[in-house]
Amino acid sequence: MSIISKLKNYLLPSLTGRGKRVGLLALIREDKLFSAIYIAGTAVAIASAMVIAIFLNIKLADIPPESNRSRTLYPLYGFYTKSLAENGREFDMRYSTLALDSCFRRLKCIEAATGIRSVYLNITDEQRFSTGAYALCTDPSFFRLYDLTFISGRSFSEKEFRQGERVCIITDKLAKRLDNAKHVSVADSKGQFPFRVIGVVKAVSTLMEYATADIYIPYTVEIGDYGNPDLNLDKISYSGQLDVRLLLREGCSRQDFLDEIEPLRRQYNAVMNARLGKDWGEWRIDADTHFFKTLNFFNHSDGQDLAMKAKELTLPALLMLLFLLLPAINLSGLVSNRMEARRAEMGIRKAFGGKRRTLLNEVIHENLVLTLLGGAVGWLLSWLFITAVSNTEVFHSMFRGLSQVGNEPSLDFQMFFTPMLFLVAFACCAVLNLMAALIPAWHSLRKPIVESLNQKR
């Protein structure tokens, strides 16, 4: 092999200049200070951006037991009387069991409809041990929307629900506190009400705010002050005490729901006008998807299409970009200084036929390796940060249903790793790498060969 060929192999390798492909450890050892600072800066930037991404993932992604978030609708309260509306006040009401059975469950686009009412109860076991508990009063359809993991037993049947039997399902944490009692008593100001435990489910993290509870009971059971969920205020039959949640069939959308329910809405208004007169008011109906139910940065009363979804994500996206941009400026200066130190090397390589594009790709590749390593460290930092703050008041204020005795804001692996989160993390790394490395590398490689060679002197 000629001297020229050996020199080309030395100066024009696949990555850095050692005649063979350099591994990750060799790349880091080549300039330890630069690598350490670059990885640390990248880790902080990625961690800041990933904290926002993980928070959105916890709030929005289909995570068990809320595996059907993307298909869940939350009907808004829509009753009002004209007398109140004239004074600028609408009379919003929750829904009754009649609204569930005669309206929502009749819709072809709805796979399941459930009513929910939350209460705080005092639970006593057979050994007279007493503890407070957060209860969800619901129906069998609840367990079609939310796939709770049953450790033992079952959910209450349709017969038990319709007959108002005093049965309940408790979490494993509450069962442990109650010494795995098969019968418990619910106490209030009016006395003790015995319940039979028919199932034990794995405790749901309080971060899953719509499915979490300590105990689940049928809302048809009368418990002291918590009686029948129907509240026919002014004989408005669809008004009650239930929050309604709907599971859309596969392929159906919020607009399909609104289109299908519109004839039923007009029919109900006509019946109520005939019964109570035109001054009773009107039933208006709308519904939020889980995305818009959870995120309320902007007013989305004019629709919930993709454009509005993009608008809602504008604020977190800008925050993520800001967290990436500021460290990228500092890293860009770091890369620029390193490129100045390598100008003579780049000049010699260009003199022996190295193309600017090849050298530019090499520099970006080197920095991308360090960026991905920093991204992995940043992901770990974001996990540690969210774990550390998960029990703080500020973090709790971002979620509902956190005043429970047995359940905790536990963090599952799926909250930190989903395909979408992986793509977000990779995109953050790529954007940060391009912003930090592309401009200084391109500026340095544009210098004339003679000027770069003179840098050696």
Protein backbone atom coordinates (compact mmCIF):
# COMPACT_ATOMS: atom_id res chain seq x y z
CA MET A 1 0.00 0.00 0.00
CA SER A 2 1.39 3.41 -1.00
CA ILE A 3 2.17 6.17 1.46
CA ILE A 4 -0.68 8.26 -0.03
CA SER A 5 -3.18 5.43 0.50
CA LYS A 6 -2.08 4.95 4.10
CA LEU A 7 -2.39 8.68 4.70
CA LYS A 8 -5.90 8.71 3.21
CA ASN A 9 -6.96 5.80 5.43
CA TYR A 10 -5.60 7.69 8.41
CA LEU A 11 -7.19 11.02 7.53
CA LEU A 12 -10.43 9.84 5.88
CA PRO A 13 -11.89 7.11 8.13
CA SER A 14 -15.57 6.34 8.50
CA LEU A 15 -15.89 8.40 11.64
CA THR A 16 -13.02 10.13 13.40
CA GLY A 17 -9.50 9.57 12.12
CA ARG A 18 -8.13 6.29 13.30
CA GLY A 19 -8.43 4.13 10.21
CA LYS A 20 -11.32 2.06 11.59
CA ARG A 21 -14.83 2.68 12.79
CA VAL A 22 -14.79 4.18 16.28
CA GLY A 23 -17.10 2.79 18.93
CA LEU A 24 -19.12 4.73 21.45
CA LEU A 25 -16.60 4.40 24.27
CA ALA A 26 -13.74 5.40 21.99
CA LEU A 27 -15.69 8.43 20.84
CA ILE A 28 -16.24 9.50 24.45
CA ARG A 29 -12.61 8.84 25.45
CA GLU A 30 -11.34 10.90 22.53
CA ASP A 31 -12.49 14.11 24.26
CA LYS A 32 -13.79 13.28 27.70
CA LEU A 33 -14.54 16.83 28.80
CA PHE A 34 -16.45 17.68 25.64
CA SER A 35 -18.40 14.41 25.77
CA ALA A 36 -19.28 14.84 29.45
CA ILE A 37 -20.48 18.42 29.02
CA TYR A 38 -22.40 17.56 25.84
CA ILE A 39 -24.12 14.53 27.40
CA ALA A 40 -24.98 16.47 30.57
CA GLY A 41 -26.38 19.43 28.64
CA THR A 42 -28.41 17.12 26.42
CA ALA A 43 -29.71 15.17 29.42
CA VAL A 44 -30.99 18.30 31.13
CA ALA A 45 -32.69 19.52 27.94
CA ILE A 46 -34.30 16.18 27.14
CA ALA A 47 -35.37 15.68 30.76
CA SER A 48 -37.11 19.07 30.80
CA ALA A 49 -38.95 18.32 27.57
CA MET A 50 -39.77 14.74 28.57
CA VAL A 51 -41.33 15.84 31.87
CA ILE A 52 -43.98 17.67 29.83
CA ALA A 53 -44.34 14.75 27.41
CA ILE A 54 -44.70 12.19 30.22
CA PHE A 55 -47.24 14.38 32.00
CA LEU A 56 -49.32 14.59 28.80
CA ASN A 57 -48.92 10.85 28.31
CA ILE A 58 -50.23 10.13 31.81
CA LYS A 59 -53.19 12.42 31.20
CA LEU A 60 -54.07 11.40 27.62
CA ALA A 61 -52.73 8.00 26.57
CA ASP A 62 -54.71 4.75 26.65
CA ILE A 63 -53.19 3.37 29.85
CA PRO A 64 -54.84 0.51 31.78
CA PRO A 65 -57.30 0.54 33.37
CA GLU A 66 -58.30 3.62 31.33
CA SER A 67 -57.51 1.74 28.13
CA ASN A 68 -60.40 3.29 26.19
CA ARG A 69 -59.63 6.98 26.68
CA SER A 70 -59.42 7.60 22.94
CA ARG A 71 -63.00 6.28 22.54
CA THR A 72 -64.54 7.83 25.67
CA LEU A 73 -67.03 10.71 25.60
CA TYR A 74 -68.11 12.85 28.54
CA PRO A 75 -71.56 14.40 27.93
CA LEU A 76 -71.81 17.95 29.23
CA TYR A 77 -74.66 19.05 31.47
CA GLY A 78 -77.19 20.78 29.31
CA PHE A 79 -80.41 21.70 31.13
CA TYR A 80 -81.45 25.27 31.74
CA THR A 81 -84.61 27.22 32.52
CA LYS A 82 -85.46 30.37 30.61
CA SER A 83 -86.09 32.35 33.79
CA LEU A 84 -82.56 31.66 34.96
CA ALA A 85 -81.08 32.12 31.49
CA GLU A 86 -82.58 35.61 31.29
CA ASN A 87 -80.50 36.47 34.36
CA GLY A 88 -77.39 35.12 32.72
CA ARG A 89 -77.46 31.79 34.55
CA GLU A 90 -77.97 28.39 33.01
CA PHE A 91 -79.31 25.59 35.18
CA ASP A 92 -76.88 22.75 34.47
CA MET A 93 -77.83 19.33 35.77
CA ARG A 94 -76.29 15.88 35.82
CA TYR A 95 -78.23 12.97 34.38
CA SER A 96 -80.73 10.41 35.67
CA THR A 97 -81.00 6.68 35.10
CA LEU A 98 -83.83 7.41 32.66
CA ALA A 99 -81.46 9.46 30.52
CA LEU A 100 -79.04 6.54 30.47
CA ASP A 101 -81.64 3.88 29.60
CA SER A 102 -83.94 5.87 27.30
CA CYS A 103 -81.36 7.97 25.51
CA PHE A 104 -77.66 7.19 25.66
CA ARG A 105 -77.91 3.40 25.61
CA ARG A 106 -80.21 3.52 22.58
CA LEU A 107 -77.57 5.09 20.36
CA LYS A 108 -76.01 2.79 17.77
CA CYS A 109 -72.65 4.57 17.98
CA ILE A 110 -72.37 3.84 21.71
CA GLU A 111 -70.90 0.53 22.83
CA ALA A 112 -71.42 1.13 26.56
CA ALA A 113 -72.82 3.90 28.75
CA THR A 114 -72.25 4.17 32.48
CA GLY A 115 -73.39 6.49 35.23
CA ILE A 116 -71.10 7.44 38.08
CA ARG A 117 -71.45 9.24 41.38
CA SER A 118 -68.59 9.68 43.83
CA VAL A 119 -69.01 9.79 47.61
CA TYR A 120 -66.87 9.48 50.71
CA LEU A 121 -67.90 6.69 53.09
CA ASN A 122 -66.83 5.28 56.41
CA ILE A 123 -66.15 1.53 56.13
CA THR A 124 -66.16 -0.87 59.11
CA ASP A 125 -65.06 -4.50 58.94
CA GLU A 126 -66.18 -7.51 60.97
CA GLN A 127 -63.58 -6.73 63.64
CA ARG A 128 -64.99 -3.22 64.07
CA PHE A 129 -61.96 -1.63 62.41
CA SER A 130 -63.09 1.59 60.74
CA THR A 131 -61.54 3.60 57.89
CA GLY A 132 -62.60 6.22 55.40
CA ALA A 133 -62.92 5.33 51.73
CA TYR A 134 -63.48 7.04 48.41
CA ALA A 135 -66.38 5.27 46.66
CA LEU A 136 -67.63 5.22 43.10
CA CYS A 137 -71.32 4.39 42.83
CA THR A 138 -71.79 2.98 39.35
CA ASP A 139 -73.27 0.17 37.24
CA PRO A 140 -72.02 -2.99 35.49
CA SER A 141 -71.17 -1.03 32.31
CA PHE A 142 -68.42 0.73 34.25
CA PHE A 143 -66.31 -2.42 34.00
CA ARG A 144 -66.62 -2.37 30.20
CA LEU A 145 -65.18 1.12 30.01
CA TYR A 146 -62.44 0.47 32.54
CA ASP A 147 -60.57 -2.83 32.57
CA LEU A 148 -59.85 -3.20 36.27
CA THR A 149 -57.78 -6.24 37.21
CA PHE A 150 -59.74 -8.63 39.41
CA ILE A 151 -57.55 -10.44 41.92
CA SER A 152 -60.52 -12.45 43.15
CA GLY A 153 -64.29 -12.48 42.72
CA ARG A 154 -66.23 -10.60 40.07
CA SER A 155 -68.10 -7.40 39.30
CA PHE A 156 -71.72 -7.04 40.36
CA SER A 157 -74.25 -8.55 37.97
CA GLU A 158 -77.09 -6.81 36.18
CA LYS A 159 -79.58 -8.54 38.50
CA GLU A 160 -77.75 -7.40 41.65
CA PHE A 161 -77.59 -3.91 40.23
CA ARG A 162 -81.27 -3.69 39.25
CA GLN A 163 -82.45 -5.08 42.57
CA GLY A 164 -80.20 -2.74 44.53
CA GLU A 165 -78.42 -5.49 46.44
CA ARG A 166 -75.79 -4.34 48.90
CA VAL A 167 -72.73 -5.76 47.18
CA CYS A 168 -69.38 -4.09 46.69
CA ILE A 169 -65.97 -4.43 45.10
CA ILE A 170 -62.92 -3.22 47.00
CA THR A 171 -59.26 -2.74 46.13
CA ASP A 172 -56.54 -5.07 47.38
CA LYS A 173 -55.11 -2.25 49.51
CA LEU A 174 -58.45 -1.62 51.22
CA ALA A 175 -58.97 -5.39 51.61
CA LYS A 176 -55.64 -5.61 53.41
CA ARG A 177 -56.64 -2.79 55.74
CA LEU A 178 -59.92 -4.59 56.43
CA ASP A 179 -58.17 -7.93 57.02
CA ASN A 180 -59.76 -9.43 53.87
CA ALA A 181 -63.23 -9.20 55.35
CA LYS A 182 -66.07 -10.79 53.34
CA HIS A 183 -68.65 -8.44 54.84
CA VAL A 184 -68.28 -4.75 55.63
CA SER A 185 -70.54 -2.03 56.94
CA VAL A 186 -70.97 1.44 55.53
CA ALA A 187 -71.72 3.96 58.24
CA ASP A 188 -73.22 7.43 58.05
CA SER A 189 -75.39 9.67 60.19
CA LYS A 190 -78.36 7.34 59.74
CA GLY A 191 -76.75 4.11 60.83
CA GLN A 192 -74.86 1.05 59.59
CA PHE A 193 -75.54 -0.59 56.23
CA PRO A 194 -74.12 -4.11 55.70
CA PHE A 195 -72.42 -4.94 52.38
CA ARG A 196 -71.15 -8.19 50.93
CA VAL A 197 -67.72 -8.08 49.26
CA ILE A 198 -68.00 -9.94 45.95
CA GLY A 199 -64.73 -8.91 44.34
CA VAL A 200 -61.25 -7.56 44.98
CA VAL A 201 -59.45 -5.55 42.30
CA LYS A 202 -55.92 -4.30 42.01
CA ALA A 203 -55.73 -0.75 43.35
CA VAL A 204 -55.79 1.85 40.59
CA SER A 205 -53.26 4.66 40.71
CA THR A 206 -54.92 7.94 41.59
CA LEU A 207 -53.30 9.35 38.44
CA MET A 208 -55.96 7.37 36.57
CA GLU A 209 -58.48 9.85 37.92
CA TYR A 210 -61.65 8.53 36.24
CA ALA A 211 -61.29 4.87 37.24
CA THR A 212 -59.72 5.09 40.68
CA ALA A 213 -61.57 4.45 43.93
CA ASP A 214 -61.25 2.47 47.15
CA ILE A 215 -64.64 0.78 46.80
CA TYR A 216 -67.16 0.34 43.98
CA ILE A 217 -70.89 -0.11 44.73
CA PRO A 218 -74.11 -0.04 42.66
CA TYR A 219 -75.72 3.40 42.58
CA THR A 220 -79.13 1.71 42.94
CA VAL A 221 -78.27 0.92 46.58
CA GLU A 222 -79.76 3.34 49.08
CA ILE A 223 -77.22 4.28 51.72
CA GLY A 224 -78.47 6.82 54.20
CA ASP A 225 -78.11 10.22 52.58
CA TYR A 226 -77.09 8.64 49.29
CA GLY A 227 -80.40 7.49 47.95
CA ASN A 228 -81.83 7.19 44.49
CA PRO A 229 -79.62 8.93 41.90
CA ASP A 230 -82.66 10.36 40.10
CA LEU A 231 -83.41 13.95 40.99
CA ASN A 232 -86.48 15.10 39.08
CA LEU A 233 -86.07 18.76 39.80
CA ASP A 234 -89.13 20.56 38.38
CA LYS A 235 -90.11 17.17 36.91
CA ILE A 236 -87.24 17.24 34.41
CA SER A 237 -86.97 13.49 33.96
CA TYR A 238 -83.47 13.44 32.47
CA SER A 239 -81.96 15.40 35.37
CA GLY A 240 -80.29 13.48 38.19
CA GLN A 241 -77.08 13.02 40.10
CA LEU A 242 -75.03 10.93 37.69
CA ASP A 243 -71.99 11.79 35.62
CA VAL A 244 -72.33 9.94 32.32
CA ARG A 245 -69.43 8.42 30.42
CA LEU A 246 -69.84 6.84 27.01
CA LEU A 247 -67.72 4.35 25.11
CA LEU A 248 -67.85 4.89 21.35
CA ARG A 249 -67.88 1.93 19.03
CA GLU A 250 -64.80 1.37 16.91
CA GLY A 251 -64.84 3.76 13.94
CA CYS A 252 -67.38 6.16 15.47
CA SER A 253 -66.58 9.75 16.41
CA ARG A 254 -67.89 12.51 18.62
CA GLN A 255 -69.66 14.02 15.63
CA ASP A 256 -71.47 10.71 14.97
CA PHE A 257 -72.72 10.87 18.55
CA LEU A 258 -73.97 14.45 18.17
CA ASP A 259 -75.69 13.65 14.87
CA GLU A 260 -77.42 10.55 16.23
CA ILE A 261 -78.58 12.11 19.48
CA GLU A 262 -79.97 15.27 17.88
CA PRO A 263 -83.38 13.73 16.95
CA LEU A 264 -83.74 12.37 20.50
CA ARG A 265 -82.88 15.79 21.89
CA ARG A 266 -85.56 17.50 19.79
CA GLN A 267 -88.09 14.81 20.73
CA TYR A 268 -87.36 15.24 24.44
CA ASN A 269 -87.68 19.02 24.22
CA ALA A 270 -91.04 18.64 22.46
CA VAL A 271 -92.32 16.30 25.18
CA MET A 272 -91.14 18.62 27.95
CA ASN A 273 -92.66 21.66 26.24
CA ALA A 274 -95.99 19.85 26.08
CA ARG A 275 -95.75 18.79 29.72
CA LEU A 276 -94.35 21.89 31.40
CA GLY A 277 -94.94 24.63 28.85
CA LYS A 278 -92.48 26.51 26.71
CA ASP A 279 -91.08 28.42 29.65
CA TRP A 280 -89.42 25.33 31.12
CA GLY A 281 -86.29 25.87 29.02
CA GLU A 282 -84.38 23.47 26.82
CA TRP A 283 -82.11 20.47 26.87
CA ARG A 284 -78.86 21.14 25.10
CA ILE A 285 -76.38 18.34 24.50
CA ASP A 286 -72.67 18.34 23.83
CA ALA A 287 -69.80 16.07 24.78
CA ASP A 288 -66.07 16.25 25.33
CA THR A 289 -63.59 13.68 24.14
CA HIS A 290 -61.04 12.63 26.72
CA PHE A 291 -58.46 14.91 25.09
CA PHE A 292 -60.57 18.05 25.47
CA LYS A 293 -61.97 16.95 28.82
CA THR A 294 -58.41 16.79 30.15
CA LEU A 295 -56.74 19.73 28.40
CA ASN A 296 -58.36 23.13 28.79
CA PHE A 297 -55.67 25.59 27.77
CA PHE A 298 -57.96 27.36 25.29
CA ASN A 299 -61.67 27.77 24.65
CA HIS A 300 -62.76 25.00 22.28
CA SER A 301 -66.48 25.75 22.17
CA ASP A 302 -66.31 26.08 18.39
CA GLY A 303 -65.37 22.46 17.83
CA GLN A 304 -63.06 19.58 18.71
CA ASP A 305 -61.43 18.82 15.36
CA LEU A 306 -57.76 18.25 14.56
CA ALA A 307 -57.13 21.97 14.25
CA MET A 308 -58.42 22.56 17.78
CA LYS A 309 -56.38 19.61 19.05
CA ALA A 310 -53.25 21.14 17.52
CA LYS A 311 -54.12 24.45 19.16
CA GLU A 312 -54.48 22.79 22.56
CA LEU A 313 -51.03 21.24 22.14
CA THR A 314 -49.43 24.53 21.13
CA LEU A 315 -48.56 25.60 24.66
CA PRO A 316 -46.84 22.37 25.78
CA ALA A 317 -45.11 22.15 22.39
CA LEU A 318 -43.73 25.69 22.77
CA LEU A 319 -42.53 24.87 26.28
CA MET A 320 -40.77 21.74 25.01
CA LEU A 321 -39.17 23.73 22.18
CA LEU A 322 -38.00 26.38 24.64
CA PHE A 323 -36.46 23.74 26.90
CA LEU A 324 -34.63 22.34 23.87
CA LEU A 325 -33.63 25.66 22.32
CA LEU A 326 -31.84 27.24 25.27
CA PRO A 327 -29.46 24.28 25.92
CA ALA A 328 -29.00 23.91 22.15
CA ILE A 329 -27.54 27.43 22.01
CA ASN A 330 -24.99 26.53 24.66
CA LEU A 331 -24.19 23.20 23.02
CA SER A 332 -23.85 24.96 19.68
CA GLY A 333 -21.13 27.16 21.16
CA LEU A 334 -19.44 24.07 22.52
CA VAL A 335 -19.53 22.35 19.13
CA SER A 336 -18.30 25.54 17.46
CA ASN A 337 -15.23 25.66 19.71
CA ARG A 338 -14.53 22.00 19.03
CA MET A 339 -14.85 22.56 15.27
CA GLU A 340 -12.38 25.44 15.50
CA ALA A 341 -9.92 23.09 17.15
CA ARG A 342 -10.46 20.57 14.33
CA ARG A 343 -10.24 23.02 11.42
CA ALA A 344 -6.73 21.92 10.50
CA GLU A 345 -7.83 18.27 10.52
CA MET A 346 -10.83 19.09 8.33
CA GLY A 347 -8.63 21.13 5.97
CA ILE A 348 -6.22 18.22 5.46
CA ARG A 349 -9.08 15.81 4.88
CA LYS A 350 -10.66 18.12 2.32
CA ALA A 351 -7.25 18.46 0.63
CA PHE A 352 -7.15 14.69 0.18
CA GLY A 353 -10.61 14.62 -1.42
CA GLY A 354 -12.93 14.58 1.53
CA LYS A 355 -16.30 15.99 0.49
CA ARG A 356 -17.97 18.65 2.60
CA ARG A 357 -21.19 16.63 2.77
CA THR A 358 -19.33 13.55 4.01
CA LEU A 359 -17.52 15.50 6.69
CA LEU A 360 -20.74 17.26 7.71
CA ASN A 361 -22.59 13.94 8.03
CA GLU A 362 -19.71 12.61 10.13
CA VAL A 363 -19.87 15.52 12.56
CA ILE A 364 -23.67 15.23 12.84
CA HIS A 365 -23.35 11.47 13.37
CA GLU A 366 -20.80 11.93 16.14
CA ASN A 367 -23.00 14.46 17.90
CA LEU A 368 -26.12 12.34 17.34
CA VAL A 369 -24.47 9.44 19.18
CA LEU A 370 -23.72 11.72 22.12
CA THR A 371 -27.21 13.26 21.90
CA LEU A 372 -28.92 9.87 22.03
CA LEU A 373 -26.79 8.89 25.01
CA GLY A 374 -27.73 12.17 26.69
CA GLY A 375 -31.35 11.53 25.75
CA ALA A 376 -31.31 8.17 27.53
CA VAL A 377 -29.85 9.84 30.63
CA GLY A 378 -32.44 12.61 30.31
CA TRP A 379 -35.28 10.09 30.14
CA LEU A 380 -33.97 8.52 33.36
CA LEU A 381 -33.76 11.97 34.97
CA SER A 382 -37.35 12.77 33.96
CA TRP A 383 -38.52 9.48 35.50
CA LEU A 384 -36.66 10.25 38.72
CA PHE A 385 -38.04 13.79 38.80
CA ILE A 386 -41.68 12.77 38.33
CA THR A 387 -41.26 9.95 40.86
CA ALA A 388 -39.84 12.43 43.35
CA VAL A 389 -42.66 14.96 42.96
CA SER A 390 -45.52 12.46 42.63
CA ASN A 391 -46.47 12.88 46.28
CA THR A 392 -46.32 16.68 46.39
CA GLU A 393 -49.33 18.97 46.62
CA VAL A 394 -48.47 20.68 43.33
CA PHE A 395 -48.47 17.37 41.48
CA HIS A 396 -51.69 16.27 43.19
CA SER A 397 -53.43 19.48 42.13
CA MET A 398 -53.03 18.40 38.49
CA PHE A 399 -55.22 15.34 39.07
CA ARG A 400 -58.56 14.68 40.67
CA GLY A 401 -59.70 12.01 43.10
CA LEU A 402 -56.60 12.11 45.25
CA SER A 403 -58.23 12.21 48.69
CA GLN A 404 -58.23 8.45 48.98
CA VAL A 405 -57.06 6.39 51.91
CA GLY A 406 -55.89 3.18 50.25
CA ASN A 407 -54.75 4.19 46.77
CA GLU A 408 -51.65 6.17 45.92
CA PRO A 409 -50.38 8.08 42.86
CA SER A 410 -48.30 5.06 41.81
CA LEU A 411 -46.38 5.18 38.55
CA ASP A 412 -46.54 2.29 36.10
CA PHE A 413 -44.07 1.54 33.30
CA GLN A 414 -46.65 2.37 30.62
CA MET A 415 -46.87 5.91 31.96
CA PHE A 416 -43.20 6.40 31.04
CA PHE A 417 -42.85 4.30 27.91
CA THR A 418 -45.25 4.12 24.99
CA PRO A 419 -44.50 4.14 21.24
CA MET A 420 -45.60 7.78 21.08
CA LEU A 421 -43.31 8.76 23.95
CA PHE A 422 -40.41 6.98 22.25
CA LEU A 423 -41.05 8.95 19.05
CA VAL A 424 -41.26 12.20 21.02
CA ALA A 425 -37.98 11.46 22.80
CA PHE A 426 -36.23 10.55 19.55
CA ALA A 427 -37.60 13.66 17.84
CA CYS A 428 -36.37 15.82 20.72
CA CYS A 429 -32.90 14.28 20.41
CA ALA A 430 -32.83 14.79 16.64
CA VAL A 431 -33.99 18.40 16.84
CA LEU A 432 -31.52 19.21 19.60
CA ASN A 433 -28.68 17.57 17.68
CA LEU A 434 -29.44 19.46 14.46
CA MET A 435 -29.77 22.79 16.24
CA ALA A 436 -26.56 22.28 18.23
CA ALA A 437 -24.30 20.70 15.58
CA LEU A 438 -25.47 21.62 12.10
CA ILE A 439 -24.86 25.39 12.07
CA PRO A 440 -21.33 25.48 13.63
CA ALA A 441 -20.23 22.45 11.58
CA TRP A 442 -21.51 23.93 8.34
CA HIS A 443 -19.88 27.29 9.11
CA SER A 444 -16.53 25.65 9.89
CA LEU A 445 -16.53 23.41 6.81
CA ARG A 446 -17.23 26.37 4.51
CA LYS A 447 -13.83 27.83 5.34
CA PRO A 448 -11.29 27.59 2.47
CA ILE A 449 -8.80 24.72 2.64
CA VAL A 450 -5.80 27.05 2.84
CA GLU A 451 -7.32 28.97 5.76
CA SER A 452 -8.09 25.71 7.56
CA LEU A 453 -4.54 24.42 6.99
CA ASN A 454 -3.06 27.67 8.29
CA GLN A 455 -4.99 27.02 11.53
CA LYS A 456 -2.37 24.34 12.19
CA ARG A 457 0.34 26.96 12.60
